[in-house]
Amino acid sequence: MNFYPQTFLQALLIGIPIVILQYPLLLLKKNWFYKTFIYFLSMLVFLFTLGVSFYLKDTVVHTQSFSITEMIKSGIITLILGQFFGGFFAFLIIVYINWALKDILFDTTG
């Protein structure tokens, strides 16, 4: 069985609630730096949760013994690798776009 469609669905099921939960936070302030910070935190939460879900899926499939420390380790490893292999660079691009278009997209007074 192909691994990628299942992983994409798993990432989608994790990402949708994070986007829904971050939306009220984005409406609190119109500051571009605040919105960029919320975006970065939601990306970290997504990567950590994806790593935890990988561990849980692997534990269920291979009937391994459950370990909370291994679950957290899997989340942290996925978070670090996700940041190293593109997450940080994508974040820098988003920051630059937000900063360049801040006068058009955001109210910089608040």
Protein backbone atom coordinates (compact mmCIF):
# COMPACT_ATOMS: atom_id res chain seq x y z
CA MET A 1 0.00 0.00 0.00
CA ASN A 2 1.24 3.46 -0.87
CA PHE A 3 2.29 5.42 2.22
CA TYR A 4 1.86 8.96 0.89
CA PRO A 5 -1.94 9.29 0.47
CA GLN A 6 -2.45 7.92 3.98
CA THR A 7 0.13 10.35 5.41
CA PHE A 8 -1.44 13.26 3.53
CA LEU A 9 -4.87 12.38 4.96
CA GLN A 10 -3.36 12.10 8.43
CA ALA A 11 -1.71 15.53 8.08
CA LEU A 12 -4.95 17.01 6.76
CA LEU A 13 -6.94 15.65 9.71
CA ILE A 14 -4.42 17.19 12.11
CA GLY A 15 -4.08 20.50 10.24
CA ILE A 16 -7.77 21.37 9.88
CA PRO A 17 -8.48 21.62 13.64
CA ILE A 18 -5.30 23.64 14.16
CA VAL A 19 -6.36 26.15 11.50
CA ILE A 20 -9.85 26.36 13.05
CA LEU A 21 -8.38 26.92 16.52
CA GLN A 22 -5.87 29.54 15.37
CA TYR A 23 -8.47 31.64 13.54
CA PRO A 24 -9.93 33.33 16.68
CA LEU A 25 -6.39 34.11 17.84
CA LEU A 26 -5.61 35.77 14.52
CA LEU A 27 -8.67 38.00 14.89
CA LEU A 28 -7.56 39.34 18.28
CA LYS A 29 -4.96 41.77 16.92
CA LYS A 30 -4.17 43.24 13.53
CA ASN A 31 -0.42 43.43 14.12
CA TRP A 32 1.60 41.60 11.44
CA PHE A 33 4.21 40.39 13.95
CA TYR A 34 1.54 38.92 16.23
CA LYS A 35 -0.09 37.08 13.32
CA THR A 36 3.27 35.76 12.18
CA PHE A 37 4.01 34.50 15.70
CA ILE A 38 0.63 32.71 15.87
CA TYR A 39 1.36 31.14 12.48
CA PHE A 40 4.76 29.89 13.70
CA LEU A 41 3.29 28.44 16.90
CA SER A 42 0.55 26.65 14.97
CA MET A 43 3.20 25.19 12.64
CA LEU A 44 5.09 23.86 15.68
CA VAL A 45 1.91 22.37 17.15
CA PHE A 46 1.13 20.75 13.80
CA LEU A 47 4.57 19.15 13.48
CA PHE A 48 4.57 17.90 17.08
CA THR A 49 1.06 16.45 16.77
CA LEU A 50 1.95 14.81 13.46
CA GLY A 51 4.93 13.11 15.12
CA VAL A 52 2.77 11.90 17.99
CA SER A 53 0.23 10.51 15.52
CA PHE A 54 3.02 8.71 13.63
CA TYR A 55 4.07 7.08 16.90
CA LEU A 56 0.52 6.11 17.80
CA LYS A 57 -0.11 4.64 14.34
CA ASP A 58 3.14 2.69 14.49
CA THR A 59 2.33 1.43 17.99
CA VAL A 60 -1.11 0.20 16.95
CA VAL A 61 0.09 -1.43 13.72
CA HIS A 62 3.07 -3.23 15.29
CA THR A 63 1.41 -3.78 18.70
CA GLN A 64 4.38 -2.36 20.57
CA SER A 65 4.15 -1.39 24.20
CA PHE A 66 2.99 2.19 24.70
CA SER A 67 5.47 4.68 26.18
CA ILE A 68 4.60 8.31 26.86
CA THR A 69 8.28 9.31 26.69
CA GLU A 70 8.69 7.65 23.28
CA MET A 71 5.52 9.39 22.09
CA ILE A 72 6.87 12.80 23.16
CA LYS A 73 10.26 11.93 21.63
CA SER A 74 8.59 11.11 18.32
CA GLY A 75 6.75 14.45 18.40
CA ILE A 76 9.93 16.39 19.15
CA ILE A 77 11.92 14.59 16.45
CA THR A 78 9.23 15.33 13.86
CA LEU A 79 9.12 18.96 15.00
CA ILE A 80 12.90 19.36 14.67
CA LEU A 81 13.12 17.57 11.31
CA GLY A 82 10.13 19.51 9.99
CA GLN A 83 11.80 22.78 10.94
CA PHE A 84 15.15 21.69 9.55
CA PHE A 85 13.81 20.42 6.22
CA GLY A 86 11.77 23.38 5.13
CA GLY A 87 9.54 24.63 7.94
CA PHE A 88 11.91 27.36 9.04
CA PHE A 89 12.58 28.51 5.47
CA ALA A 90 8.86 28.57 4.67
CA PHE A 91 8.35 30.59 7.85
CA LEU A 92 10.97 33.13 6.73
CA ILE A 93 9.18 33.49 3.39
CA ILE A 94 5.85 34.04 5.19
CA VAL A 95 7.47 36.64 7.48
CA TYR A 96 8.92 38.49 4.51
CA ILE A 97 5.59 38.49 2.65
CA ASN A 98 3.76 39.68 5.77
CA TRP A 99 6.32 42.42 6.35
CA ALA A 100 6.37 43.54 2.70
CA LEU A 101 2.58 43.69 2.46
CA LYS A 102 1.88 44.83 6.02
CA ASP A 103 0.49 48.19 4.93
CA ILE A 104 -2.00 46.51 2.61
CA LEU A 105 -2.93 43.47 4.70
CA PHE A 106 -2.74 44.67 8.31
CA ASP A 107 -3.54 47.65 10.48
CA THR A 108 -0.11 48.55 11.86
CA THR A 109 -1.45 50.90 14.54
CA GLY A 110 -2.67 48.14 16.88
